[in-house]
All heavy atoms as atom14 arrays in JSON, in Angstrom:
{
  "sequence": "EWVVQAIGTAQDGMRGAVQETLTRTPQYPFALFG",
  "atom14_mask": [
    [1, 1, 1, 1, 1, 1, 1, 1, 1, 0, 0, 0, 0, 0],
    [1, 1, 1, 1, 1, 1, 1, 1, 1, 1, 1, 1, 1, 1],
    [1, 1, 1, 1, 1, 1, 1, 0, 0, 0, 0, 0, 0, 0],
    [1, 1, 1, 1, 1, 1, 1, 0, 0, 0, 0, 0, 0, 0],
    [1, 1, 1, 1, 1, 1, 1, 1, 1, 0, 0, 0, 0, 0],
    [1, 1, 1, 1, 1, 0, 0, 0, 0, 0, 0, 0, 0, 0],
    [1, 1, 1, 1, 1, 1, 1, 1, 0, 0, 0, 0, 0, 0],
    [1, 1, 1, 1, 0, 0, 0, 0, 0, 0, 0, 0, 0, 0],
    [1, 1, 1, 1, 1, 1, 1, 0, 0, 0, 0, 0, 0, 0],
    [1, 1, 1, 1, 1, 0, 0, 0, 0, 0, 0, 0, 0, 0],
    [1, 1, 1, 1, 1, 1, 1, 1, 1, 0, 0, 0, 0, 0],
    [1, 1, 1, 1, 1, 1, 1, 1, 0, 0, 0, 0, 0, 0],
    [1, 1, 1, 1, 0, 0, 0, 0, 0, 0, 0, 0, 0, 0],
    [1, 1, 1, 1, 1, 1, 1, 1, 0, 0, 0, 0, 0, 0],
    [1, 1, 1, 1, 1, 1, 1, 1, 1, 1, 1, 0, 0, 0],
    [1, 1, 1, 1, 0, 0, 0, 0, 0, 0, 0, 0, 0, 0],
    [1, 1, 1, 1, 1, 0, 0, 0, 0, 0, 0, 0, 0, 0],
    [1, 1, 1, 1, 1, 1, 1, 0, 0, 0, 0, 0, 0, 0],
    [1, 1, 1, 1, 1, 1, 1, 1, 1, 0, 0, 0, 0, 0],
    [1, 1, 1, 1, 1, 1, 1, 1, 1, 0, 0, 0, 0, 0],
    [1, 1, 1, 1, 1, 1, 1, 0, 0, 0, 0, 0, 0, 0],
    [1, 1, 1, 1, 1, 1, 1, 1, 0, 0, 0, 0, 0, 0],
    [1, 1, 1, 1, 1, 1, 1, 0, 0, 0, 0, 0, 0, 0],
    [1, 1, 1, 1, 1, 1, 1, 1, 1, 1, 1, 0, 0, 0],
    [1, 1, 1, 1, 1, 1, 1, 0, 0, 0, 0, 0, 0, 0],
    [1, 1, 1, 1, 1, 1, 1, 0, 0, 0, 0, 0, 0, 0],
    [1, 1, 1, 1, 1, 1, 1, 1, 1, 0, 0, 0, 0, 0],
    [1, 1, 1, 1, 1, 1, 1, 1, 1, 1, 1, 1, 0, 0],
    [1, 1, 1, 1, 1, 1, 1, 0, 0, 0, 0, 0, 0, 0],
    [1, 1, 1, 1, 1, 1, 1, 1, 1, 1, 1, 0, 0, 0],
    [1, 1, 1, 1, 1, 0, 0, 0, 0, 0, 0, 0, 0, 0],
    [1, 1, 1, 1, 1, 1, 1, 1, 0, 0, 0, 0, 0, 0],
    [1, 1, 1, 1, 1, 1, 1, 1, 1, 1, 1, 0, 0, 0],
    [1, 1, 1, 1, 0, 0, 0, 0, 0, 0, 0, 0, 0, 0]
  ],
  "atom14_positions": [
    [[0.85, -1.19, 0.04], [0.04, 0.04, -0.02], [0.88, 1.27, -0.04], [1.92, 1.38, 0.7], [-0.92, 0.01, 1.26], [-1.84, 1.21, 1.31], [-2.81, 1.2, 2.52], [-2.95, 0.04, 3.04], [-3.41, 2.18, 2.79], [0.0, 0.0, 0.0], [0.0, 0.0, 0.0], [0.0, 0.0, 0.0], [0.0, 0.0, 0.0], [0.0, 0.0, 0.0]],
    [[0.43, 2.22, -0.89], [1.06, 3.56, -0.96], [-0.03, 4.56, -0.81], [-1.13, 4.31, -1.27], [1.85, 3.84, -2.13], [3.1, 3.05, -2.37], [3.27, 1.7, -2.69], [4.49, 3.5, -2.22], [4.51, 1.27, -2.87], [5.33, 2.41, -2.58], [5.01, 4.7, -1.88], [6.7, 2.55, -2.5], [6.39, 4.91, -1.87], [7.2, 3.77, -2.19]],
    [[0.25, 5.67, -0.14], [-0.64, 6.89, -0.18], [0.12, 7.94, -0.93], [1.23, 8.32, -0.57], [-1.01, 7.28, 1.18], [-1.79, 8.69, 1.12], [-1.89, 6.35, 1.96], [0.0, 0.0, 0.0], [0.0, 0.0, 0.0], [0.0, 0.0, 0.0], [0.0, 0.0, 0.0], [0.0, 0.0, 0.0], [0.0, 0.0, 0.0], [0.0, 0.0, 0.0]],
    [[-0.52, 8.46, -2.04], [0.13, 9.52, -2.83], [-0.65, 10.79, -2.74], [-1.88, 10.83, -2.83], [0.14, 9.06, -4.31], [0.93, 10.06, -5.18], [0.69, 7.67, -4.47], [0.0, 0.0, 0.0], [0.0, 0.0, 0.0], [0.0, 0.0, 0.0], [0.0, 0.0, 0.0], [0.0, 0.0, 0.0], [0.0, 0.0, 0.0], [0.0, 0.0, 0.0]],
    [[0.11, 11.88, -2.41], [-0.53, 13.25, -2.42], [0.26, 14.08, -3.49], [1.44, 14.09, -3.49], [-0.31, 13.88, -1.04], [-0.97, 13.12, 0.13], [-0.72, 13.67, 1.52], [0.41, 14.0, 1.81], [-1.79, 13.83, 2.29], [0.0, 0.0, 0.0], [0.0, 0.0, 0.0], [0.0, 0.0, 0.0], [0.0, 0.0, 0.0], [0.0, 0.0, 0.0]],
    [[-0.58, 14.83, -4.24], [0.06, 15.64, -5.32], [-0.59, 17.0, -5.32], [-1.69, 17.27, -4.97], [-0.2, 14.96, -6.61], [0.0, 0.0, 0.0], [0.0, 0.0, 0.0], [0.0, 0.0, 0.0], [0.0, 0.0, 0.0], [0.0, 0.0, 0.0], [0.0, 0.0, 0.0], [0.0, 0.0, 0.0], [0.0, 0.0, 0.0], [0.0, 0.0, 0.0]],
    [[0.32, 18.05, -5.61], [-0.12, 19.45, -5.74], [0.15, 19.92, -7.2], [1.28, 19.66, -7.67], [0.64, 20.36, -4.71], [0.51, 19.83, -3.31], [0.22, 21.78, -4.86], [1.35, 20.57, -2.39], [0.0, 0.0, 0.0], [0.0, 0.0, 0.0], [0.0, 0.0, 0.0], [0.0, 0.0, 0.0], [0.0, 0.0, 0.0], [0.0, 0.0, 0.0]],
    [[-0.78, 20.52, -7.73], [-0.63, 21.15, -9.07], [-0.84, 22.68, -8.95], [-1.69, 23.16, -8.24], [0.0, 0.0, 0.0], [0.0, 0.0, 0.0], [0.0, 0.0, 0.0], [0.0, 0.0, 0.0], [0.0, 0.0, 0.0], [0.0, 0.0, 0.0], [0.0, 0.0, 0.0], [0.0, 0.0, 0.0], [0.0, 0.0, 0.0], [0.0, 0.0, 0.0]],
    [[0.06, 23.48, -9.58], [-0.02, 24.93, -9.51], [-0.36, 25.55, -10.85], [0.33, 25.26, -11.81], [1.26, 25.54, -8.99], [1.57, 24.95, -7.69], [1.14, 27.05, -8.8], [0.0, 0.0, 0.0], [0.0, 0.0, 0.0], [0.0, 0.0, 0.0], [0.0, 0.0, 0.0], [0.0, 0.0, 0.0], [0.0, 0.0, 0.0], [0.0, 0.0, 0.0]],
    [[-1.43, 26.32, -10.96], [-1.77, 26.97, -12.17], [-0.87, 28.19, -12.43], [-0.04, 28.6, -11.51], [-3.22, 27.38, -12.17], [0.0, 0.0, 0.0], [0.0, 0.0, 0.0], [0.0, 0.0, 0.0], [0.0, 0.0, 0.0], [0.0, 0.0, 0.0], [0.0, 0.0, 0.0], [0.0, 0.0, 0.0], [0.0, 0.0, 0.0], [0.0, 0.0, 0.0]],
    [[-0.94, 28.87, -13.58], [-0.08, 30.0, -13.94], [-0.29, 31.26, -13.01], [0.65, 31.98, -12.75], [-0.26, 30.44, -15.35], [0.24, 29.4, -16.43], [0.09, 29.88, -17.79], [-0.6, 30.81, -18.12], [0.74, 29.16, -18.75], [0.0, 0.0, 0.0], [0.0, 0.0, 0.0], [0.0, 0.0, 0.0], [0.0, 0.0, 0.0], [0.0, 0.0, 0.0]],
    [[-1.56, 31.37, -12.42], [-1.78, 32.52, -11.6], [-1.48, 32.15, -10.17], [-1.76, 32.96, -9.28], [-3.22, 32.99, -11.79], [-4.2, 31.86, -11.37], [-3.77, 30.77, -11.03], [-5.43, 32.25, -11.27], [0.0, 0.0, 0.0], [0.0, 0.0, 0.0], [0.0, 0.0, 0.0], [0.0, 0.0, 0.0], [0.0, 0.0, 0.0], [0.0, 0.0, 0.0]],
    [[-0.91, 31.05, -9.94], [-0.53, 30.65, -8.61], [-1.62, 29.83, -7.85], [-1.3, 29.36, -6.7], [0.0, 0.0, 0.0], [0.0, 0.0, 0.0], [0.0, 0.0, 0.0], [0.0, 0.0, 0.0], [0.0, 0.0, 0.0], [0.0, 0.0, 0.0], [0.0, 0.0, 0.0], [0.0, 0.0, 0.0], [0.0, 0.0, 0.0], [0.0, 0.0, 0.0]],
    [[-2.8, 29.71, -8.41], [-3.83, 28.94, -7.79], [-3.37, 27.44, -7.73], [-2.93, 26.85, -8.69], [-5.15, 29.03, -8.58], [-6.28, 28.31, -7.89], [-6.95, 29.08, -6.42], [-7.82, 30.46, -7.18], [0.0, 0.0, 0.0], [0.0, 0.0, 0.0], [0.0, 0.0, 0.0], [0.0, 0.0, 0.0], [0.0, 0.0, 0.0], [0.0, 0.0, 0.0]],
    [[-3.59, 26.78, -6.57], [-3.15, 25.44, -6.37], [-4.3, 24.5, -6.13], [-5.31, 24.87, -5.53], [-2.17, 25.36, -5.21], [-0.86, 26.13, -5.32], [0.13, 25.76, -4.32], [-0.26, 25.82, -2.97], [0.35, 25.35, -1.88], [1.47, 24.76, -2.06], [-0.2, 25.4, -0.65], [0.0, 0.0, 0.0], [0.0, 0.0, 0.0], [0.0, 0.0, 0.0]],
    [[-4.09, 23.26, -6.53], [-5.08, 22.2, -6.26], [-4.31, 20.96, -5.81], [-3.2, 20.73, -6.24], [0.0, 0.0, 0.0], [0.0, 0.0, 0.0], [0.0, 0.0, 0.0], [0.0, 0.0, 0.0], [0.0, 0.0, 0.0], [0.0, 0.0, 0.0], [0.0, 0.0, 0.0], [0.0, 0.0, 0.0], [0.0, 0.0, 0.0], [0.0, 0.0, 0.0]],
    [[-4.9, 20.2, -4.98], [-4.17, 19.04, -4.47], [-5.17, 17.83, -4.35], [-6.36, 18.02, -4.09], [-3.61, 19.37, -3.0], [0.0, 0.0, 0.0], [0.0, 0.0, 0.0], [0.0, 0.0, 0.0], [0.0, 0.0, 0.0], [0.0, 0.0, 0.0], [0.0, 0.0, 0.0], [0.0, 0.0, 0.0], [0.0, 0.0, 0.0], [0.0, 0.0, 0.0]],
    [[-4.66, 16.7, -4.58], [-5.47, 15.47, -4.52], [-4.63, 14.34, -3.84], [-3.42, 14.4, -3.73], [-5.88, 14.99, -5.95], [-6.93, 15.91, -6.52], [-4.67, 14.85, -6.85], [0.0, 0.0, 0.0], [0.0, 0.0, 0.0], [0.0, 0.0, 0.0], [0.0, 0.0, 0.0], [0.0, 0.0, 0.0], [0.0, 0.0, 0.0], [0.0, 0.0, 0.0]],
    [[-5.38, 13.31, -3.38], [-4.74, 12.13, -2.73], [-5.4, 10.88, -3.22], [-6.65, 10.89, -3.43], [-4.83, 12.42, -1.2], [-4.38, 11.16, -0.38], [-4.53, 11.38, 1.05], [-3.99, 12.32, 1.65], [-5.3, 10.53, 1.72], [0.0, 0.0, 0.0], [0.0, 0.0, 0.0], [0.0, 0.0, 0.0], [0.0, 0.0, 0.0], [0.0, 0.0, 0.0]],
    [[-4.61, 9.81, -3.23], [-5.2, 8.48, -3.55], [-4.42, 7.41, -2.84], [-3.31, 7.63, -2.46], [-5.32, 8.3, -5.09], [-3.89, 8.13, -5.74], [-3.96, 7.92, -7.25], [-5.06, 8.12, -7.83], [-2.95, 7.66, -7.82], [0.0, 0.0, 0.0], [0.0, 0.0, 0.0], [0.0, 0.0, 0.0], [0.0, 0.0, 0.0], [0.0, 0.0, 0.0]],
    [[-5.07, 6.28, -2.74], [-4.34, 5.09, -2.22], [-4.14, 4.1, -3.19], [-4.98, 3.73, -4.08], [-5.21, 4.49, -1.05], [-5.44, 5.54, 0.01], [-4.55, 3.34, -0.39], [0.0, 0.0, 0.0], [0.0, 0.0, 0.0], [0.0, 0.0, 0.0], [0.0, 0.0, 0.0], [0.0, 0.0, 0.0], [0.0, 0.0, 0.0], [0.0, 0.0, 0.0]],
    [[-2.92, 3.52, -3.27], [-2.59, 2.41, -4.18], [-2.39, 1.17, -3.41], [-1.68, 1.13, -2.42], [-1.3, 2.73, -5.02], [-1.26, 4.09, -5.62], [0.02, 4.29, -6.37], [-2.4, 4.18, -6.73], [0.0, 0.0, 0.0], [0.0, 0.0, 0.0], [0.0, 0.0, 0.0], [0.0, 0.0, 0.0], [0.0, 0.0, 0.0], [0.0, 0.0, 0.0]],
    [[-3.0, 0.08, -3.82], [-2.85, -1.2, -3.17], [-2.61, -2.29, -4.23], [-2.99, -2.13, -5.34], [-4.07, -1.61, -2.41], [-5.31, -1.58, -3.22], [-4.27, -0.68, -1.16], [0.0, 0.0, 0.0], [0.0, 0.0, 0.0], [0.0, 0.0, 0.0], [0.0, 0.0, 0.0], [0.0, 0.0, 0.0], [0.0, 0.0, 0.0], [0.0, 0.0, 0.0]],
    [[-1.93, -3.37, -3.79], [-1.73, -4.48, -4.68], [-1.77, -5.78, -3.81], [-1.52, -5.75, -2.64], [-0.44, -4.36, -5.41], [0.88, -4.4, -4.5], [2.08, -4.31, -5.33], [3.26, -4.39, -4.42], [4.52, -4.42, -4.86], [4.76, -4.36, -6.16], [5.56, -4.4, -4.03], [0.0, 0.0, 0.0], [0.0, 0.0, 0.0], [0.0, 0.0, 0.0]],
    [[-2.08, -6.89, -4.49], [-1.98, -8.22, -3.82], [-1.17, -9.11, -4.67], [-1.03, -8.89, -5.84], [-3.44, -8.75, -3.67], [-4.01, -8.86, -4.94], [-4.28, -7.79, -2.82], [0.0, 0.0, 0.0], [0.0, 0.0, 0.0], [0.0, 0.0, 0.0], [0.0, 0.0, 0.0], [0.0, 0.0, 0.0], [0.0, 0.0, 0.0], [0.0, 0.0, 0.0]],
    [[-0.67, -10.24, -4.13], [0.03, -11.23, -4.92], [-0.9, -11.74, -6.03], [-2.04, -11.97, -5.8], [0.36, -12.36, -3.83], [0.36, -11.65, -2.59], [-0.7, -10.55, -2.66], [0.0, 0.0, 0.0], [0.0, 0.0, 0.0], [0.0, 0.0, 0.0], [0.0, 0.0, 0.0], [0.0, 0.0, 0.0], [0.0, 0.0, 0.0], [0.0, 0.0, 0.0]],
    [[-0.29, -11.92, -7.2], [-1.07, -12.33, -8.34], [-1.41, -13.83, -8.21], [-2.47, -14.27, -8.64], [-0.28, -12.14, -9.59], [-1.04, -12.29, -10.89], [-0.37, -11.74, -12.02], [0.77, -11.23, -12.02], [-0.87, -11.98, -13.27], [0.0, 0.0, 0.0], [0.0, 0.0, 0.0], [0.0, 0.0, 0.0], [0.0, 0.0, 0.0], [0.0, 0.0, 0.0]],
    [[-0.54, -14.58, -7.55], [-0.77, -16.03, -7.35], [-0.56, -16.38, -5.86], [0.51, -17.05, -5.53], [0.22, -16.81, -8.29], [0.01, -16.4, -9.71], [0.97, -15.75, -10.4], [-1.22, -16.77, -10.39], [0.84, -15.4, -11.7], [-1.32, -16.34, -11.76], [-0.35, -15.67, -12.41], [-0.48, -15.31, -13.68], [0.0, 0.0, 0.0], [0.0, 0.0, 0.0]],
    [[-1.41, -16.03, -4.97], [-1.2, -16.32, -3.55], [-1.47, -17.79, -3.2], [-1.12, -18.27, -2.17], [-2.18, -15.48, -2.83], [-3.22, -15.22, -3.81], [-2.67, -15.23, -5.14], [0.0, 0.0, 0.0], [0.0, 0.0, 0.0], [0.0, 0.0, 0.0], [0.0, 0.0, 0.0], [0.0, 0.0, 0.0], [0.0, 0.0, 0.0], [0.0, 0.0, 0.0]],
    [[-2.16, -18.55, -4.15], [-2.54, -19.89, -3.86], [-1.79, -20.89, -4.8], [-1.6, -20.57, -5.92], [-4.08, -20.08, -4.12], [-4.96, -19.25, -3.27], [-5.49, -18.07, -3.72], [-5.35, -19.73, -2.02], [-6.37, -17.35, -2.88], [-6.13, -19.0, -1.2], [-6.61, -17.83, -1.61], [0.0, 0.0, 0.0], [0.0, 0.0, 0.0], [0.0, 0.0, 0.0]],
    [[-1.42, -21.99, -4.24], [-0.84, -23.01, -5.13], [-1.86, -23.52, -6.03], [-1.52, -23.8, -7.26], [-0.34, -24.17, -4.29], [0.0, 0.0, 0.0], [0.0, 0.0, 0.0], [0.0, 0.0, 0.0], [0.0, 0.0, 0.0], [0.0, 0.0, 0.0], [0.0, 0.0, 0.0], [0.0, 0.0, 0.0], [0.0, 0.0, 0.0], [0.0, 0.0, 0.0]],
    [[-3.12, -23.55, -5.63], [-4.16, -24.04, -6.53], [-5.49, -23.28, -6.1], [-5.79, -23.36, -4.86], [-4.32, -25.52, -6.47], [-5.46, -26.2, -7.35], [-5.12, -25.95, -8.81], [-5.56, -27.68, -7.11], [0.0, 0.0, 0.0], [0.0, 0.0, 0.0], [0.0, 0.0, 0.0], [0.0, 0.0, 0.0], [0.0, 0.0, 0.0], [0.0, 0.0, 0.0]],
    [[-6.11, -22.66, -7.04], [-7.36, -21.94, -6.68], [-8.43, -22.38, -7.64], [-8.26, -22.34, -8.91], [-7.15, -20.45, -6.71], [-8.45, -19.7, -6.27], [-8.67, -19.5, -4.97], [-9.41, -19.27, -7.14], [-9.78, -18.81, -4.55], [-10.54, -18.57, -6.72], [-10.71, -18.37, -5.4], [0.0, 0.0, 0.0], [0.0, 0.0, 0.0], [0.0, 0.0, 0.0]],
    [[-9.65, -22.78, -7.16], [-10.76, -23.18, -8.0], [-11.86, -22.08, -7.9], [-12.36, -21.87, -6.78], [0.0, 0.0, 0.0], [0.0, 0.0, 0.0], [0.0, 0.0, 0.0], [0.0, 0.0, 0.0], [0.0, 0.0, 0.0], [0.0, 0.0, 0.0], [0.0, 0.0, 0.0], [0.0, 0.0, 0.0], [0.0, 0.0, 0.0], [0.0, 0.0, 0.0]]
  ]
}
C-alpha cells in the first residue's frame, strides 16, 4: 500500500491538491485456486 499526495499549480498561482491510495495483492497467492 502507498498513499500518494500531489499538488498542481496554475499560472496564476492557484493550487489544487489530490490524494489517492494504491494497493496490490500477490497475483498467485494460492498453489491451486478453483
